[in-house]
């Protein structure tokens, strides 16, 4: 029997939540993601950097009214990876 290899990067709860949100919205700022993932700022930063390193998201850092702002944007590679992850999960459910 053939087995699908699930993307281990997307198995993490926080990273999967981030990617799910970005699939819906395409981009979101750090504050929004922190609230939605219910994680600390430090943990969110670590998880975002892992997704960035894999090429799944882009991070844009700027200032908004003298405060730093980080905006996360889904990449085409991230969209493909997420869709494959969902497809592979569905395979396991149906198998």
PDB file of N, CA and C in Angstrom:
ATOM      1  N   UNK A   1       0.844  -1.181   0.000  1.00  0.00           N
ATOM      2  CA  UNK A   1       0.000   0.000   0.000  1.00  0.00           C
ATOM      3  C   UNK A   1       0.890   1.246   0.000  1.00  0.00           C
ATOM      4  N   UNK A   2       0.557   2.169  -0.840  1.00  0.00           N
ATOM      5  CA  UNK A   2       1.288   3.434  -0.942  1.00  0.00           C
ATOM      6  C   UNK A   2       0.856   4.369   0.187  1.00  0.00           C
ATOM      7  N   UNK A   3       1.820   5.059   0.774  1.00  0.00           N
ATOM      8  CA  UNK A   3       1.517   6.023   1.824  1.00  0.00           C
ATOM      9  C   UNK A   3       1.911   7.417   1.379  1.00  0.00           C
ATOM     10  N   UNK A   4       1.125   8.402   1.747  1.00  0.00           N
ATOM     11  CA  UNK A   4       1.432   9.799   1.470  1.00  0.00           C
ATOM     12  C   UNK A   4       2.288  10.326   2.607  1.00  0.00           C
ATOM     13  N   UNK A   5       3.288  11.083   2.270  1.00  0.00           N
ATOM     14  CA  UNK A   5       4.136  11.708   3.285  1.00  0.00           C
ATOM     15  C   UNK A   5       3.594  13.106   3.546  1.00  0.00           C
ATOM     16  N   UNK A   6       3.124  13.315   4.760  1.00  0.00           N
ATOM     17  CA  UNK A   6       2.591  14.626   5.126  1.00  0.00           C
ATOM     18  C   UNK A   6       3.727  15.599   5.374  1.00  0.00           C
ATOM     19  N   UNK A   7       3.543  16.829   4.938  1.00  0.00           N
ATOM     20  CA  UNK A   7       4.532  17.898   5.121  1.00  0.00           C
ATOM     21  C   UNK A   7       4.679  18.162   6.616  1.00  0.00           C
ATOM     22  N   UNK A   8       5.819  17.782   7.179  1.00  0.00           N
ATOM     23  CA  UNK A   8       6.023  17.915   8.632  1.00  0.00           C
ATOM     24  C   UNK A   8       5.984  19.362   9.089  1.00  0.00           C
ATOM     25  N   UNK A   9       6.304  20.285   8.213  1.00  0.00           N
ATOM     26  CA  UNK A   9       6.250  21.707   8.577  1.00  0.00           C
ATOM     27  C   UNK A   9       4.811  22.133   8.860  1.00  0.00           C
ATOM     28  N   UNK A  10       3.868  21.540   8.159  1.00  0.00           N
ATOM     29  CA  UNK A  10       2.467  21.923   8.329  1.00  0.00           C
ATOM     30  C   UNK A  10       1.757  21.110   9.406  1.00  0.00           C
ATOM     31  N   UNK A  11       2.441  20.161   9.997  1.00  0.00           N
ATOM     32  CA  UNK A  11       1.832  19.376  11.074  1.00  0.00           C
ATOM     33  C   UNK A  11       1.773  20.150  12.388  1.00  0.00           C
ATOM     34  N   UNK A  12       2.590  21.185  12.536  1.00  0.00           N
ATOM     35  CA  UNK A  12       2.576  21.989  13.756  1.00  0.00           C
ATOM     36  C   UNK A  12       1.299  22.809  13.840  1.00  0.00           C
ATOM     37  N   UNK A  13       0.671  22.816  14.997  1.00  0.00           N
ATOM     38  CA  UNK A  13      -0.623  23.484  15.159  1.00  0.00           C
ATOM     39  C   UNK A  13      -0.573  24.959  14.795  1.00  0.00           C
ATOM     40  N   UNK A  14       0.415  25.680  15.280  1.00  0.00           N
ATOM     41  CA  UNK A  14       0.486  27.120  15.022  1.00  0.00           C
ATOM     42  C   UNK A  14       0.749  27.372  13.537  1.00  0.00           C
ATOM     43  N   UNK A  15       1.674  26.618  12.949  1.00  0.00           N
ATOM     44  CA  UNK A  15       1.977  26.811  11.525  1.00  0.00           C
ATOM     45  C   UNK A  15       0.783  26.447  10.651  1.00  0.00           C
ATOM     46  N   UNK A  16       0.072  25.394  11.002  1.00  0.00           N
ATOM     47  CA  UNK A  16      -1.115  25.009  10.237  1.00  0.00           C
ATOM     48  C   UNK A  16      -2.194  26.082  10.350  1.00  0.00           C
ATOM     49  N   UNK A  17      -2.357  26.655  11.526  1.00  0.00           N
ATOM     50  CA  UNK A  17      -3.338  27.733  11.712  1.00  0.00           C
ATOM     51  C   UNK A  17      -2.954  28.949  10.882  1.00  0.00           C
ATOM     52  N   UNK A  18      -1.678  29.318  10.913  1.00  0.00           N
ATOM     53  CA  UNK A  18      -1.204  30.462  10.122  1.00  0.00           C
ATOM     54  C   UNK A  18      -1.502  30.236   8.645  1.00  0.00           C
ATOM     55  N   UNK A  19      -1.137  29.076   8.153  1.00  0.00           N
ATOM     56  CA  UNK A  19      -1.338  28.791   6.738  1.00  0.00           C
ATOM     57  C   UNK A  19      -2.826  28.749   6.376  1.00  0.00           C
ATOM     58  N   UNK A  20      -3.651  28.208   7.247  1.00  0.00           N
ATOM     59  CA  UNK A  20      -5.097  28.172   6.999  1.00  0.00           C
ATOM     60  C   UNK A  20      -5.662  29.581   6.898  1.00  0.00           C
ATOM     61  N   UNK A  21      -5.227  30.442   7.799  1.00  0.00           N
ATOM     62  CA  UNK A  21      -5.690  31.834   7.768  1.00  0.00           C
ATOM     63  C   UNK A  21      -5.225  32.547   6.506  1.00  0.00           C
ATOM     64  N   UNK A  22      -3.978  32.305   6.130  1.00  0.00           N
ATOM     65  CA  UNK A  22      -3.444  32.969   4.941  1.00  0.00           C
ATOM     66  C   UNK A  22      -4.058  32.418   3.653  1.00  0.00           C
ATOM     67  N   UNK A  23      -4.484  31.186   3.648  1.00  0.00           N
ATOM     68  CA  UNK A  23      -5.184  30.650   2.478  1.00  0.00           C
ATOM     69  C   UNK A  23      -6.496  31.395   2.258  1.00  0.00           C
ATOM     70  N   UNK A  24      -7.104  31.827   3.340  1.00  0.00           N
ATOM     71  CA  UNK A  24      -8.378  32.542   3.263  1.00  0.00           C
ATOM     72  C   UNK A  24      -8.164  34.020   2.949  1.00  0.00           C
ATOM     73  N   UNK A  25      -7.165  34.631   3.586  1.00  0.00           N
ATOM     74  CA  UNK A  25      -6.994  36.079   3.495  1.00  0.00           C
ATOM     75  C   UNK A  25      -5.818  36.526   2.638  1.00  0.00           C
ATOM     76  N   UNK A  26      -4.912  35.628   2.298  1.00  0.00           N
ATOM     77  CA  UNK A  26      -3.709  35.900   1.511  1.00  0.00           C
ATOM     78  C   UNK A  26      -2.637  36.664   2.269  1.00  0.00           C
ATOM     79  N   UNK A  27      -3.023  37.584   3.133  1.00  0.00           N
ATOM     80  CA  UNK A  27      -2.040  38.256   3.979  1.00  0.00           C
ATOM     81  C   UNK A  27      -2.698  38.714   5.274  1.00  0.00           C
ATOM     82  N   UNK A  28      -1.867  38.820   6.307  1.00  0.00           N
ATOM     83  CA  UNK A  28      -2.369  39.222   7.621  1.00  0.00           C
ATOM     84  C   UNK A  28      -1.206  39.785   8.421  1.00  0.00           C
ATOM     85  N   UNK A  29      -1.524  40.689   9.344  1.00  0.00           N
ATOM     86  CA  UNK A  29      -0.444  41.251  10.152  1.00  0.00           C
ATOM     87  C   UNK A  29      -0.192  40.408  11.402  1.00  0.00           C
ATOM     88  N   UNK A  30       0.943  40.671  12.005  1.00  0.00           N
ATOM     89  CA  UNK A  30       1.425  39.907  13.154  1.00  0.00           C
ATOM     90  C   UNK A  30       0.414  39.917  14.297  1.00  0.00           C
ATOM     91  N   UNK A  31      -0.159  41.072  14.586  1.00  0.00           N
ATOM     92  CA  UNK A  31      -1.098  41.198  15.709  1.00  0.00           C
ATOM     93  C   UNK A  31      -2.323  40.314  15.486  1.00  0.00           C
ATOM     94  N   UNK A  32      -2.834  40.322  14.264  1.00  0.00           N
ATOM     95  CA  UNK A  32      -3.992  39.482  13.946  1.00  0.00           C
ATOM     96  C   UNK A  32      -3.640  38.006  14.122  1.00  0.00           C
ATOM     97  N   UNK A  33      -2.504  37.593  13.571  1.00  0.00           N
ATOM     98  CA  UNK A  33      -2.100  36.192  13.670  1.00  0.00           C
ATOM     99  C   UNK A  33      -1.845  35.774  15.119  1.00  0.00           C
ATOM    100  N   UNK A  34      -1.279  36.677  15.894  1.00  0.00           N
ATOM    101  CA  UNK A  34      -1.030  36.373  17.307  1.00  0.00           C
ATOM    102  C   UNK A  34      -2.352  36.103  18.031  1.00  0.00           C
ATOM    103  N   UNK A  35      -3.344  36.917  17.750  1.00  0.00           N
ATOM    104  CA  UNK A  35      -4.655  36.722  18.369  1.00  0.00           C
ATOM    105  C   UNK A  35      -5.337  35.453  17.918  1.00  0.00           C
ATOM    106  N   UNK A  36      -5.259  35.164  16.637  1.00  0.00           N
ATOM    107  CA  UNK A  36      -5.923  33.981  16.093  1.00  0.00           C
ATOM    108  C   UNK A  36      -5.249  32.677  16.513  1.00  0.00           C
ATOM    109  N   UNK A  37      -3.930  32.700  16.631  1.00  0.00           N
ATOM    110  CA  UNK A  37      -3.213  31.478  17.015  1.00  0.00           C
ATOM    111  C   UNK A  37      -3.150  31.295  18.522  1.00  0.00           C
ATOM    112  N   UNK A  38      -3.445  32.352  19.253  1.00  0.00           N
ATOM    113  CA  UNK A  38      -3.415  32.335  20.723  1.00  0.00           C
ATOM    114  C   UNK A  38      -2.071  31.836  21.244  1.00  0.00           C
ATOM    115  N   UNK A  39      -1.003  32.355  20.655  1.00  0.00           N
ATOM    116  CA  UNK A  39       0.339  31.993  21.077  1.00  0.00           C
ATOM    117  C   UNK A  39       1.105  33.254  21.455  1.00  0.00           C
ATOM    118  N   UNK A  40       2.267  33.089  22.027  1.00  0.00           N
ATOM    119  CA  UNK A  40       3.075  34.255  22.415  1.00  0.00           C
ATOM    120  C   UNK A  40       3.718  34.872  21.172  1.00  0.00           C
ATOM    121  N   UNK A  41       4.115  36.113  21.315  1.00  0.00           N
ATOM    122  CA  UNK A  41       4.787  36.795  20.216  1.00  0.00           C
ATOM    123  C   UNK A  41       6.078  36.100  19.822  1.00  0.00           C
ATOM    124  N   UNK A  42       6.821  35.617  20.806  1.00  0.00           N
ATOM    125  CA  UNK A  42       8.073  34.933  20.533  1.00  0.00           C
ATOM    126  C   UNK A  42       7.856  33.647  19.757  1.00  0.00           C
ATOM    127  N   UNK A  43       6.877  32.855  20.178  1.00  0.00           N
ATOM    128  CA  UNK A  43       6.587  31.599  19.480  1.00  0.00           C
ATOM    129  C   UNK A  43       6.080  31.884  18.069  1.00  0.00           C
ATOM    130  N   UNK A  44       5.232  32.888  17.929  1.00  0.00           N
ATOM    131  CA  UNK A  44       4.718  33.222  16.603  1.00  0.00           C
ATOM    132  C   UNK A  44       5.870  33.612  15.675  1.00  0.00           C
ATOM    133  N   UNK A  45       6.810  34.398  16.181  1.00  0.00           N
ATOM    134  CA  UNK A  45       7.967  34.801  15.375  1.00  0.00           C
ATOM    135  C   UNK A  45       8.764  33.585  14.901  1.00  0.00           C
ATOM    136  N   UNK A  46       8.981  32.636  15.795  1.00  0.00           N
ATOM    137  CA  UNK A  46       9.720  31.423  15.444  1.00  0.00           C
ATOM    138  C   UNK A  46       8.980  30.659  14.342  1.00  0.00           C
ATOM    139  N   UNK A  47       7.675  30.498  14.502  1.00  0.00           N
ATOM    140  CA  UNK A  47       6.889  29.732  13.532  1.00  0.00           C
ATOM    141  C   UNK A  47       6.830  30.446  12.181  1.00  0.00           C
ATOM    142  N   UNK A  48       6.706  31.773  12.192  1.00  0.00           N
ATOM    143  CA  UNK A  48       6.696  32.532  10.943  1.00  0.00           C
ATOM    144  C   UNK A  48       8.024  32.408  10.220  1.00  0.00           C
ATOM    145  N   UNK A  49       9.110  32.442  10.972  1.00  0.00           N
ATOM    146  CA  UNK A  49      10.426  32.315  10.347  1.00  0.00           C
ATOM    147  C   UNK A  49      10.631  30.938   9.729  1.00  0.00           C
ATOM    148  N   UNK A  50      10.082  29.896  10.338  1.00  0.00           N
ATOM    149  CA  UNK A  50      10.164  28.552   9.749  1.00  0.00           C
ATOM    150  C   UNK A  50       9.407  28.501   8.426  1.00  0.00           C
ATOM    151  N   UNK A  51       8.228  29.109   8.394  1.00  0.00           N
ATOM    152  CA  UNK A  51       7.438  29.136   7.159  1.00  0.00           C
ATOM    153  C   UNK A  51       8.126  29.990   6.092  1.00  0.00           C
ATOM    154  N   UNK A  52       8.750  31.077   6.519  1.00  0.00           N
ATOM    155  CA  UNK A  52       9.482  31.944   5.584  1.00  0.00           C
ATOM    156  C   UNK A  52      10.681  31.200   5.000  1.00  0.00           C
ATOM    157  N   UNK A  53      11.421  30.522   5.850  1.00  0.00           N
ATOM    158  CA  UNK A  53      12.604  29.782   5.406  1.00  0.00           C
ATOM    159  C   UNK A  53      12.230  28.721   4.363  1.00  0.00           C
ATOM    160  N   UNK A  54      11.060  28.116   4.523  1.00  0.00           N
ATOM    161  CA  UNK A  54      10.581  27.108   3.571  1.00  0.00           C
ATOM    162  C   UNK A  54      10.049  27.747   2.292  1.00  0.00           C
ATOM    163  N   UNK A  55       9.876  29.061   2.299  1.00  0.00           N
ATOM    164  CA  UNK A  55       9.346  29.755   1.125  1.00  0.00           C
ATOM    165  C   UNK A  55       7.832  29.758   1.049  1.00  0.00           C
ATOM    166  N   UNK A  56       7.172  29.411   2.143  1.00  0.00           N
ATOM    167  CA  UNK A  56       5.711  29.342   2.159  1.00  0.00           C
ATOM    168  C   UNK A  56       5.068  30.710   2.365  1.00  0.00           C
ATOM    169  N   UNK A  57       5.782  31.616   3.013  1.00  0.00           N
ATOM    170  CA  UNK A  57       5.263  32.966   3.252  1.00  0.00           C
ATOM    171  C   UNK A  57       6.377  33.979   3.015  1.00  0.00           C
ATOM    172  N   UNK A  58       5.972  35.224   2.841  1.00  0.00           N
ATOM    173  CA  UNK A  58       6.881  36.359   2.811  1.00  0.00           C
ATOM    174  C   UNK A  58       6.539  37.244   4.002  1.00  0.00           C
ATOM    175  N   UNK A  59       7.548  37.859   4.571  1.00  0.00           N
ATOM    176  CA  UNK A  59       7.338  38.786   5.688  1.00  0.00           C
ATOM    177  C   UNK A  59       7.750  40.177   5.238  1.00  0.00           C
ATOM    178  N   UNK A  60       6.866  41.133   5.430  1.00  0.00           N
ATOM    179  CA  UNK A  60       7.168  42.526   5.113  1.00  0.00           C
ATOM    180  C   UNK A  60       7.161  43.309   6.418  1.00  0.00           C
ATOM    181  N   UNK A  61       8.294  43.905   6.735  1.00  0.00           N
ATOM    182  CA  UNK A  61       8.396  44.679   7.975  1.00  0.00           C
ATOM    183  C   UNK A  61       8.429  46.155   7.621  1.00  0.00           C
ATOM    184  N   UNK A  62       7.624  46.928   8.363  1.00  0.00           N
ATOM    185  CA  UNK A  62       7.560  48.369   8.133  1.00  0.00           C
ATOM    186  C   UNK A  62       7.158  49.043   9.440  1.00  0.00           C
ATOM    187  N   UNK A  63       6.899  50.327   9.363  1.00  0.00           N
ATOM    188  CA  UNK A  63       6.416  51.067  10.523  1.00  0.00           C
ATOM    189  C   UNK A  63       5.065  51.681  10.191  1.00  0.00           C
ATOM    190  N   UNK A  64       4.167  51.619  11.152  1.00  0.00           N
ATOM    191  CA  UNK A  64       2.836  52.207  11.009  1.00  0.00           C
ATOM    192  C   UNK A  64       2.608  53.078  12.233  1.00  0.00           C
ATOM    193  N   UNK A  65       2.510  54.359  12.016  1.00  0.00           N
ATOM    194  CA  UNK A  65       2.365  55.336  13.094  1.00  0.00           C
ATOM    195  C   UNK A  65       3.448  55.104  14.166  1.00  0.00           C
ATOM    196  N   UNK A  66       4.683  55.041  13.716  1.00  0.00           N
ATOM    197  CA  UNK A  66       5.861  54.882  14.582  1.00  0.00           C
ATOM    198  C   UNK A  66       5.947  53.552  15.322  1.00  0.00           C
ATOM    199  N   UNK A  67       5.135  52.584  14.952  1.00  0.00           N
ATOM    200  CA  UNK A  67       5.205  51.260  15.566  1.00  0.00           C
ATOM    201  C   UNK A  67       5.588  50.243  14.497  1.00  0.00           C
ATOM    202  N   UNK A  68       6.416  49.274  14.859  1.00  0.00           N
ATOM    203  CA  UNK A  68       6.775  48.261  13.865  1.00  0.00           C
ATOM    204  C   UNK A  68       5.558  47.421  13.490  1.00  0.00           C
ATOM    205  N   UNK A  69       5.493  47.081  12.224  1.00  0.00           N
ATOM    206  CA  UNK A  69       4.396  46.239  11.738  1.00  0.00           C
ATOM    207  C   UNK A  69       4.988  45.161  10.836  1.00  0.00           C
ATOM    208  N   UNK A  70       4.569  43.930  11.067  1.00  0.00           N
ATOM    209  CA  UNK A  70       4.974  42.813  10.228  1.00  0.00           C
ATOM    210  C   UNK A  70       3.731  42.268   9.542  1.00  0.00           C
ATOM    211  N   UNK A  71       3.799  42.198   8.227  1.00  0.00           N
ATOM    212  CA  UNK A  71       2.698  41.640   7.446  1.00  0.00           C
ATOM    213  C   UNK A  71       3.196  40.356   6.800  1.00  0.00           C
ATOM    214  N   UNK A  72       2.404  39.313   6.929  1.00  0.00           N
ATOM    215  CA  UNK A  72       2.739  37.999   6.385  1.00  0.00           C
ATOM    216  C   UNK A  72       1.888  37.765   5.152  1.00  0.00           C
ATOM    217  N   UNK A  73       2.530  37.301   4.097  1.00  0.00           N
ATOM    218  CA  UNK A  73       1.827  37.068   2.838  1.00  0.00           C
ATOM    219  C   UNK A  73       2.112  35.657   2.352  1.00  0.00           C
ATOM    220  N   UNK A  74       1.080  34.969   1.939  1.00  0.00           N
ATOM    221  CA  UNK A  74       1.192  33.620   1.389  1.00  0.00           C
ATOM    222  C   UNK A  74       1.882  33.672   0.032  1.00  0.00           C
ATOM    223  N   UNK A  75       2.804  32.752  -0.221  1.00  0.00           N
ATOM    224  CA  UNK A  75       3.457  32.663  -1.533  1.00  0.00           C
ATOM    225  C   UNK A  75       2.776  31.577  -2.368  1.00  0.00           C
ATOM    226  N   UNK A  76       3.090  31.571  -3.650  1.00  0.00           N
ATOM    227  CA  UNK A  76       2.556  30.524  -4.529  1.00  0.00           C
ATOM    228  C   UNK A  76       3.032  29.155  -4.057  1.00  0.00           C
ATOM    229  N   UNK A  77       4.284  29.063  -3.623  1.00  0.00           N
ATOM    230  CA  UNK A  77       4.822  27.798  -3.109  1.00  0.00           C
ATOM    231  C   UNK A  77       4.056  27.358  -1.861  1.00  0.00           C
ATOM    232  N   UNK A  78       3.723  28.307  -0.999  1.00  0.00           N
ATOM    233  CA  UNK A  78       2.960  27.993   0.203  1.00  0.00           C
ATOM    234  C   UNK A  78       1.565  27.494  -0.117  1.00  0.00           C
ATOM    235  N   UNK A  79       0.945  28.103  -1.111  1.00  0.00           N
ATOM    236  CA  UNK A  79      -0.398  27.671  -1.514  1.00  0.00           C
ATOM    237  C   UNK A  79      -0.370  26.246  -2.053  1.00  0.00           C
ATOM    238  N   UNK A  80       0.611  25.941  -2.882  1.00  0.00           N
ATOM    239  CA  UNK A  80       0.746  24.590  -3.428  1.00  0.00           C
ATOM    240  C   UNK A  80       0.980  23.584  -2.294  1.00  0.00           C
ATOM    241  N   UNK A  81       1.870  23.922  -1.366  1.00  0.00           N
ATOM    242  CA  UNK A  81       2.187  23.024  -0.250  1.00  0.00           C
ATOM    243  C   UNK A  81       0.957  22.773   0.618  1.00  0.00           C
ATOM    244  N   UNK A  82       0.192  23.823   0.898  1.00  0.00           N
ATOM    245  CA  UNK A  82      -1.004  23.674   1.731  1.00  0.00           C
ATOM    246  C   UNK A  82      -2.043  22.802   1.032  1.00  0.00           C
ATOM    247  N   UNK A  83      -2.265  23.061  -0.253  1.00  0.00           N
ATOM    248  CA  UNK A  83      -3.253  22.264  -1.001  1.00  0.00           C
ATOM    249  C   UNK A  83      -2.853  20.792  -1.055  1.00  0.00           C
ATOM    250  N   UNK A  84      -1.560  20.527  -1.234  1.00  0.00           N
ATOM    251  CA  UNK A  84      -1.084  19.139  -1.246  1.00  0.00           C
ATOM    252  C   UNK A  84      -1.271  18.507   0.127  1.00  0.00           C
ATOM    253  N   UNK A  85      -1.009  19.252   1.184  1.00  0.00           N
ATOM    254  CA  UNK A  85      -1.186  18.756   2.547  1.00  0.00           C
ATOM    255  C   UNK A  85      -2.643  18.344   2.775  1.00  0.00           C
ATOM    256  N   UNK A  86      -3.565  19.193   2.367  1.00  0.00           N
ATOM    257  CA  UNK A  86      -4.996  18.899   2.522  1.00  0.00           C
ATOM    258  C   UNK A  86      -5.383  17.683   1.682  1.00  0.00           C
ATOM    259  N   UNK A  87      -4.869  17.634   0.470  1.00  0.00           N
ATOM    260  CA  UNK A  87      -5.140  16.493  -0.413  1.00  0.00           C
ATOM    261  C   UNK A  87      -4.622  15.188   0.198  1.00  0.00           C
ATOM    262  N   UNK A  88      -3.416  15.234   0.761  1.00  0.00           N
ATOM    263  CA  UNK A  88      -2.840  14.038   1.387  1.00  0.00           C
ATOM    264  C   UNK A  88      -3.641  13.624   2.621  1.00  0.00           C
ATOM    265  N   UNK A  89      -4.101  14.588   3.403  1.00  0.00           N
ATOM    266  CA  UNK A  89      -4.947  14.269   4.567  1.00  0.00           C
ATOM    267  C   UNK A  89      -6.245  13.605   4.118  1.00  0.00           C
ATOM    268  N   UNK A  90      -6.833  14.125   3.052  1.00  0.00           N
ATOM    269  CA  UNK A  90      -8.070  13.539   2.544  1.00  0.00           C
ATOM    270  C   UNK A  90      -7.837  12.106   2.070  1.00  0.00           C
ATOM    271  N   UNK A  91      -6.668  11.842   1.500  1.00  0.00           N
ATOM    272  CA  UNK A  91      -6.326  10.484   1.085  1.00  0.00           C
ATOM    273  C   UNK A  91      -6.360   9.535   2.277  1.00  0.00           C
ATOM    274  N   UNK A  92      -5.767   9.974   3.394  1.00  0.00           N
ATOM    275  CA  UNK A  92      -5.757   9.133   4.600  1.00  0.00           C
ATOM    276  C   UNK A  92      -7.165   8.923   5.142  1.00  0.00           C
ATOM    277  N   UNK A  93      -7.986   9.947   5.084  1.00  0.00           N
ATOM    278  CA  UNK A  93      -9.356   9.839   5.586  1.00  0.00           C
ATOM    279  C   UNK A  93     -10.147   8.832   4.756  1.00  0.00           C
ATOM    280  N   UNK A  94      -9.933   8.860   3.452  1.00  0.00           N
ATOM    281  CA  UNK A  94     -10.684   7.978   2.557  1.00  0.00           C
ATOM    282  C   UNK A  94     -10.102   6.577   2.468  1.00  0.00           C
ATOM    283  N   UNK A  95      -8.821   6.429   2.829  1.00  0.00           N
ATOM    284  CA  UNK A  95      -8.147   5.120   2.681  1.00  0.00           C
ATOM    285  C   UNK A  95      -8.729   4.069   3.599  1.00  0.00           C
TER     286      UNK A  95
END
